[in-house]
Protein backbone atom coordinates (compact mmCIF):
# COMPACT_ATOMS: atom_id res chain seq x y z
CA MET A 1 -0.01 -0.03 0.09
CA LEU A 2 1.11 3.54 -0.74
CA PRO A 3 2.22 5.59 2.38
CA LEU A 4 -0.08 8.16 4.01
CA ALA A 5 0.71 11.85 3.74
CA LEU A 6 0.74 13.48 7.16
CA THR A 7 0.68 17.28 7.24
CA MET A 8 2.67 19.03 10.10
CA GLY A 9 -0.21 21.29 11.17
CA GLU A 10 0.50 24.35 13.41
CA PRO A 11 4.11 23.97 14.21
CA GLY A 12 3.66 25.83 17.55
CA GLY A 13 1.07 23.26 18.69
CA ILE A 14 1.30 19.52 19.53
CA GLY A 15 1.30 18.34 15.89
CA PRO A 16 5.09 17.80 16.00
CA ASP A 17 4.80 16.30 19.33
CA VAL A 18 2.23 13.68 18.44
CA THR A 19 3.76 12.98 15.10
CA ILE A 20 7.11 11.99 16.82
CA ALA A 21 5.40 10.20 19.45
CA ALA A 22 3.15 8.33 17.14
CA TRP A 23 6.10 7.08 15.03
CA ARG A 24 7.92 5.88 18.21
CA VAL A 25 4.97 3.69 19.15
CA ARG A 26 4.18 2.67 15.51
CA ALA A 27 4.19 -1.02 16.20
CA ALA A 28 2.04 -0.69 19.37
CA LEU A 29 -0.36 1.38 17.53
CA ARG A 30 -0.48 -0.78 14.36
CA LEU A 31 0.25 2.12 12.14
CA PRO A 32 0.60 2.01 8.33
CA ALA A 33 3.52 3.64 6.73
CA PHE A 34 3.37 7.40 6.57
CA TYR A 35 5.64 10.41 5.93
CA CYS A 36 5.28 13.94 7.24
CA LEU A 37 5.32 17.01 5.11
CA ALA A 38 7.35 19.38 7.38
CA ASP A 39 10.48 21.05 8.08
CA PRO A 40 12.74 18.20 9.19
CA GLU A 41 14.98 20.39 11.31
CA MET A 42 11.79 21.69 13.22
CA LEU A 43 10.85 18.12 13.90
CA ALA A 44 14.37 17.21 15.02
CA GLU A 45 14.48 20.19 17.40
CA ARG A 46 11.17 19.23 18.87
CA ALA A 47 12.38 15.67 19.46
CA ARG A 48 15.47 17.04 21.21
CA LEU A 49 13.17 19.36 23.38
CA LEU A 50 11.03 16.31 24.27
CA SER A 51 14.18 14.17 24.94
CA LEU A 52 12.76 11.58 22.49
CA ASP A 53 14.94 9.40 20.18
CA CYS A 54 13.42 9.92 16.70
CA PRO A 55 15.78 9.59 13.81
CA ILE A 56 14.63 11.68 10.92
CA GLU A 57 15.23 10.83 7.19
CA ILE A 58 14.51 13.24 4.30
CA VAL A 59 12.67 11.34 1.71
CA GLU A 60 10.61 11.55 -1.49
CA PRO A 61 7.16 10.09 -1.02
CA GLY A 62 8.06 7.05 -3.18
CA ASN A 63 10.64 5.77 -0.69
CA ALA A 64 8.94 6.67 2.58
CA ALA A 65 7.62 3.17 3.09
CA ALA A 66 11.04 1.70 2.81
CA VAL A 67 12.34 4.11 5.43
CA PHE A 68 9.56 3.95 7.86
CA ALA A 69 10.73 1.09 9.92
CA ARG A 70 14.17 2.82 10.93
CA ALA A 71 13.21 6.59 10.79
CA LEU A 72 10.48 9.08 10.62
CA PRO A 73 10.23 9.88 6.90
CA VAL A 74 9.94 13.66 6.21
CA VAL A 75 9.23 15.39 2.83
CA PRO A 76 10.73 18.86 3.27
CA LEU A 77 8.62 21.95 2.60
CA GLY A 78 9.80 24.91 0.51
CA LYS A 79 10.99 27.12 3.32
CA PRO A 80 12.31 26.56 6.86
CA VAL A 81 9.86 26.84 9.78
CA THR A 82 10.62 28.62 12.99
CA ALA A 83 8.71 27.03 15.74
CA ARG A 84 8.42 27.84 19.48
CA PRO A 85 6.11 25.62 21.41
CA GLY A 86 3.04 27.49 22.40
CA GLU A 87 3.60 30.40 20.23
CA LEU A 88 1.90 31.32 16.94
CA ILE A 89 4.31 32.72 14.33
CA SER A 90 2.50 34.23 11.39
CA ALA A 91 5.52 33.57 9.04
CA ASN A 92 4.80 29.85 9.39
CA ALA A 93 1.27 30.06 7.82
CA HIS A 94 2.45 29.57 4.28
CA ALA A 95 4.36 26.40 5.22
CA VAL A 96 1.20 25.16 6.93
CA ILE A 97 -0.93 25.87 3.79
CA GLU A 98 1.83 24.32 1.50
CA ALA A 99 1.81 21.05 3.58
CA ILE A 100 -1.92 20.63 3.00
CA ALA A 101 -1.75 21.39 -0.64
CA ARG A 102 1.13 19.11 -1.34
CA ALA A 103 -0.44 16.23 0.53
CA VAL A 104 -3.44 16.42 -1.62
CA GLY A 105 -1.26 16.82 -4.67
CA ASP A 106 0.59 13.63 -3.70
CA VAL A 107 -2.59 11.58 -3.44
CA ARG A 108 -3.62 12.96 -6.85
CA SER A 109 -0.36 12.00 -8.46
CA GLY A 110 -0.45 8.52 -6.96
CA ALA A 111 2.55 9.08 -4.51
CA ALA A 112 0.29 8.71 -1.47
CA SER A 113 -2.82 6.81 -0.55
CA ALA A 114 -4.66 9.32 1.69
CA ILE A 115 -3.93 12.35 3.78
CA VAL A 116 -4.03 12.76 7.54
CA THR A 117 -4.01 16.28 8.86
CA ASN A 118 -2.50 17.52 12.04
CA PRO A 119 -4.51 20.43 13.56
CA ILE A 120 -4.07 23.96 12.41
CA ASN A 121 -4.75 27.34 13.92
CA LYS A 122 -7.20 29.23 11.77
CA LYS A 123 -6.48 32.62 13.29
CA ALA A 124 -2.77 32.34 12.43
CA LEU A 125 -3.76 31.46 8.88
CA TYR A 126 -6.22 34.31 8.55
CA ASN A 127 -3.60 36.68 9.80
CA ALA A 128 -1.42 35.63 6.72
CA GLY A 129 -4.19 36.26 4.30
CA PHE A 130 -5.71 32.69 4.25
CA ASN A 131 -9.06 33.20 2.36
CA HIS A 132 -10.96 29.98 3.33
CA SER A 133 -13.31 29.78 6.30
CA GLY A 134 -11.52 26.69 7.56
CA HIS A 135 -9.29 23.60 7.08
CA THR A 136 -12.21 21.49 5.63
CA GLU A 137 -13.34 24.20 3.22
CA PHE A 138 -9.74 24.61 1.85
CA LEU A 139 -9.68 20.79 1.29
CA GLY A 140 -13.05 21.12 -0.47
CA THR A 141 -11.46 23.74 -2.75
CA LEU A 142 -8.54 21.38 -3.52
CA SER A 143 -11.03 18.48 -4.23
CA ALA A 144 -12.91 20.69 -6.58
CA ALA A 145 -9.73 21.66 -8.45
CA TRP A 146 -9.02 17.98 -8.79
CA THR A 147 -12.43 16.79 -10.07
CA GLY A 148 -13.62 19.91 -11.79
CA HIS A 149 -16.86 20.02 -9.84
CA ALA A 150 -17.82 21.63 -6.40
CA ALA A 151 -17.19 19.40 -3.39
CA ARG A 152 -19.63 19.27 -0.41
CA PRO A 153 -17.47 18.15 2.49
CA VAL A 154 -19.29 16.48 5.34
CA MET A 155 -17.81 16.02 8.84
CA MET A 156 -18.00 12.68 10.47
CA LEU A 157 -16.67 11.67 13.85
CA ALA A 158 -15.84 7.98 13.60
CA GLY A 159 -15.10 6.02 16.78
CA PRO A 160 -15.05 2.25 17.62
CA THR A 161 -18.78 2.26 18.42
CA LEU A 162 -20.37 5.31 16.87
CA LYS A 163 -20.11 7.16 13.62
CA ALA A 164 -21.89 10.54 13.99
CA VAL A 165 -22.41 13.33 11.46
CA PRO A 166 -23.76 16.81 12.27
CA VAL A 167 -25.90 18.30 9.47
CA THR A 168 -25.00 21.87 10.65
CA ILE A 169 -21.56 22.22 12.07
CA HIS A 170 -20.04 25.45 13.61
CA GLU A 171 -23.28 27.33 13.93
CA PRO A 172 -24.83 29.18 16.99
CA LEU A 173 -27.51 26.92 18.34
CA LYS A 174 -30.19 29.62 17.87
CA ALA A 175 -29.43 29.64 14.15
CA VAL A 176 -29.86 25.92 13.52
CA PRO A 177 -33.60 25.66 13.14
CA GLY A 178 -33.59 28.38 10.44
CA MET A 179 -30.75 26.56 8.67
CA LEU A 180 -32.29 23.10 8.60
CA THR A 181 -34.05 22.16 5.36
CA GLU A 182 -35.22 18.81 3.93
CA GLU A 183 -32.70 19.28 1.07
CA LEU A 184 -29.79 19.86 3.45
CA ILE A 185 -30.54 16.72 5.44
CA VAL A 186 -31.13 14.54 2.39
CA GLU A 187 -27.86 15.91 0.73
CA THR A 188 -25.76 15.33 3.87
CA ALA A 189 -27.22 11.72 4.47
CA MET A 190 -26.71 10.78 0.77
CA ILE A 191 -23.05 11.71 0.92
CA VAL A 192 -22.68 9.67 4.16
CA ALA A 193 -24.23 6.64 2.55
CA THR A 194 -22.10 6.92 -0.45
CA ASP A 195 -18.83 7.09 1.56
CA LEU A 196 -19.96 4.36 3.91
CA ARG A 197 -20.34 2.20 0.94
CA ARG A 198 -17.20 2.98 -1.10
CA ARG A 199 -14.76 3.59 1.81
CA PHE A 200 -16.09 1.93 4.97
CA GLY A 201 -16.97 -1.27 3.11
CA LEU A 202 -20.79 -1.26 4.13
CA PRO A 203 -22.82 -2.16 1.09
CA ASN A 204 -26.24 -1.44 2.72
CA PRO A 205 -25.54 1.32 5.31
CA ARG A 206 -28.31 1.92 7.85
CA LEU A 207 -28.72 5.64 9.01
CA ALA A 208 -30.46 6.92 12.14
CA VAL A 209 -31.73 10.42 11.78
CA SER A 210 -32.16 12.39 15.03
CA GLY A 211 -34.80 14.95 15.75
CA LEU A 212 -34.02 18.56 16.63
CA ASN A 213 -36.30 19.06 19.72
CA PRO A 214 -36.58 17.22 22.97
CA HIS A 215 -38.36 13.85 22.39
CA ALA A 216 -38.07 14.51 18.55
CA GLY A 217 -40.70 17.17 19.05
CA GLU A 218 -43.33 15.00 20.88
CA SER A 219 -45.72 15.08 17.78
CA GLY A 220 -45.45 18.79 17.47
CA ALA A 221 -46.03 19.71 21.19
CA LEU A 222 -42.28 20.59 21.63
CA GLY A 223 -41.40 21.82 18.04
CA SER A 224 -42.48 21.42 14.44
CA GLU A 225 -39.21 20.79 12.64
CA GLU A 226 -39.55 17.09 12.94
CA GLU A 227 -42.89 16.91 11.14
CA ARG A 228 -42.12 19.78 8.67
CA ILE A 229 -38.54 19.02 7.73
CA ILE A 230 -36.85 15.91 9.27
CA ALA A 231 -39.59 13.33 8.64
CA PRO A 232 -40.04 14.35 4.96
CA ALA A 233 -36.29 14.03 4.66
CA VAL A 234 -36.30 10.51 6.08
CA ALA A 235 -39.12 9.61 3.57
CA ALA A 236 -37.14 10.95 0.73
CA LEU A 237 -34.01 8.89 1.70
CA ARG A 238 -36.10 5.82 2.02
CA ALA A 239 -37.63 6.44 -1.38
CA ALA A 240 -34.11 6.72 -2.73
CA GLY A 241 -33.17 3.17 -1.35
CA ILE A 242 -31.40 4.32 1.79
CA ALA A 243 -32.03 2.39 5.00
CA ALA A 244 -32.94 5.51 6.98
CA THR A 245 -35.10 5.73 10.14
CA GLY A 246 -36.19 8.60 12.27
CA PRO A 247 -36.67 11.19 13.43
CA HIS A 248 -35.39 9.68 16.73
CA SER A 249 -35.30 11.31 20.09
CA ALA A 250 -31.58 12.09 20.48
CA ASP A 251 -31.42 11.24 24.13
CA ALA A 252 -32.23 7.50 23.28
CA MET A 253 -30.03 7.13 20.32
CA PHE A 254 -26.62 6.34 21.87
CA HIS A 255 -27.07 3.44 24.36
CA PRO A 256 -25.70 0.14 23.33
CA ALA A 257 -28.85 -1.38 22.02
CA ALA A 258 -29.62 1.62 19.88
CA LEU A 259 -26.13 1.74 18.47
CA ALA A 260 -26.43 -1.78 17.22
CA ALA A 261 -29.36 -0.84 15.01
CA TYR A 262 -27.62 1.63 12.79
CA ASP A 263 -24.15 2.39 11.05
CA ALA A 264 -24.14 6.10 11.41
CA ALA A 265 -26.16 8.72 13.12
CA ILE A 266 -27.28 11.90 11.27
CA CYS A 267 -27.55 14.67 13.87
CA MET A 268 -29.00 18.15 13.42
CA TYR A 269 -26.30 20.16 15.14
CA HIS A 270 -22.66 20.06 16.30
CA ASP A 271 -22.99 19.00 19.96
CA GLN A 272 -25.79 16.51 19.23
CA ALA A 273 -23.20 14.61 17.28
CA LEU A 274 -19.87 15.35 18.98
CA ILE A 275 -20.89 14.98 22.67
CA PRO A 276 -21.86 11.32 22.24
CA ALA A 277 -18.93 10.62 20.06
CA LYS A 278 -16.30 12.05 22.24
CA THR A 279 -18.05 10.69 25.47
CA LEU A 280 -18.07 7.08 24.01
CA SER A 281 -14.42 7.15 22.98
CA PHE A 282 -12.52 10.36 23.35
CA ALA A 283 -8.91 9.09 22.35
CA GLU A 284 -10.08 6.77 19.52
CA THR A 285 -12.44 9.06 17.81
CA VAL A 286 -11.34 10.32 14.39
CA ASN A 287 -12.56 13.37 12.34
CA VAL A 288 -13.20 12.06 8.80
CA THR A 289 -14.19 14.33 5.92
CA LEU A 290 -16.59 12.70 3.51
CA GLY A 291 -17.62 13.99 0.13
CA LEU A 292 -14.07 14.67 -1.13
CA ALA A 293 -12.06 13.20 -4.01
CA PHE A 294 -9.59 11.73 -1.54
CA ILE A 295 -9.55 10.13 1.92
CA ARG A 296 -9.03 12.68 4.72
CA THR A 297 -8.78 11.87 8.38
CA SER A 298 -7.61 14.01 11.31
CA PRO A 299 -7.18 13.66 15.14
CA ASP A 300 -10.04 14.91 16.99
CA HIS A 301 -8.32 17.56 18.95
CA GLY A 302 -6.88 21.11 18.47
CA THR A 303 -3.41 22.54 18.47
CA ALA A 304 -3.25 22.43 22.23
CA LEU A 305 -0.75 25.28 22.36
CA ASP A 306 -0.73 25.16 26.21
CA ILE A 307 0.97 21.69 26.37
CA ALA A 308 3.01 21.87 23.20
CA GLY A 309 6.69 20.82 23.92
CA THR A 310 5.83 19.57 27.42
CA GLY A 311 5.53 15.87 26.69
CA LYS A 312 1.98 15.76 27.94
CA ALA A 313 0.36 15.36 24.39
CA ASP A 314 -1.25 11.90 23.76
CA PRO A 315 -0.65 10.53 20.31
CA SER A 316 -3.67 8.08 20.51
CA SER A 317 -6.03 10.22 18.39
CA LEU A 318 -3.37 10.70 15.76
CA GLY A 319 -2.67 6.94 15.80
CA ALA A 320 -6.35 6.33 15.33
CA ALA A 321 -6.50 8.76 12.48
CA LEU A 322 -3.63 7.14 10.76
CA ARG A 323 -4.89 3.74 11.29
CA LEU A 324 -8.38 4.60 9.96
CA ALA A 325 -7.02 6.25 6.98
CA GLY A 326 -5.13 3.06 6.03
CA GLU A 327 -8.37 0.97 6.60
CA LEU A 328 -10.41 3.34 4.38
CA THR A 329 -7.65 3.12 1.59
CA ARG A 330 -7.86 -0.70 1.74
CA ASN A 331 -11.52 -0.77 1.61
CA GLN A 332 -11.55 1.70 -1.35
CA PHE A 333 -9.06 -0.36 -3.32
CA ALA A 334 -10.89 -3.59 -2.57
CA ALA A 335 -14.30 -2.32 -3.78
């Protein structure tokens, strides 16, 4: 299998820490081969700061797999990176962006099988003129440039027992009812079903669609969105051949018996999806972006500037993201 392309993320955060730590425990975490798009000297300096033995070898993507057993393979970026743990340095923004774009380019050219992204700091990128609203939106633009048609990225939190998808993501809770439409729910769920088939190896995915209001609106007594918007969306999905059920009361969707009845939960807003996902398995939950021309996973944590360089960063989530990217690649090639 081709290696995975791992981006360095925000160099002042814990991306370098968990990259080094994950490589060091690669056998225990059962990691596929990967290389990191980064400044090799920055990674070597972070390893020295953390007092971790991590040999680094500069590679081309094509020989990363051969190097992986003896050293952390690193594909250098165009310019050096100056990194101080816990500090955002605006001059690094262009290298952060370059790593993401080159990772996608490597998958497109057949040099890498998928991309795994370390966390970025959007404020640091905005200060440098980054004109995308976020990491995922930038990936959507890169996907559109690849395929020639617009991408509709969908966030999934994938853990050992739950895959959860928010229909609306980083929106104020008061704005959610006005944003929900039958079309938005159907479009999101169709993308989820497509990627569950082609990348997760589920030929007939089952989707459980949540309500918005307590008790799924209780037949209109606690809100009308279920009857006006969500139930028609579920009916449209079923008419399209998707095994969808709902709207379900969200407070009864995540106990073991309920989880056994579906493959992914389609939730109406951010916390409705992310709270159960992170509660059930915080360290093993992975952020997967669906609807792209390429496989992209990411650890489900931020840059954690406050603990960068301290040795406190846990590589488990990055390990889970790398492992899942490898599994999705194998599933896609086997299809």
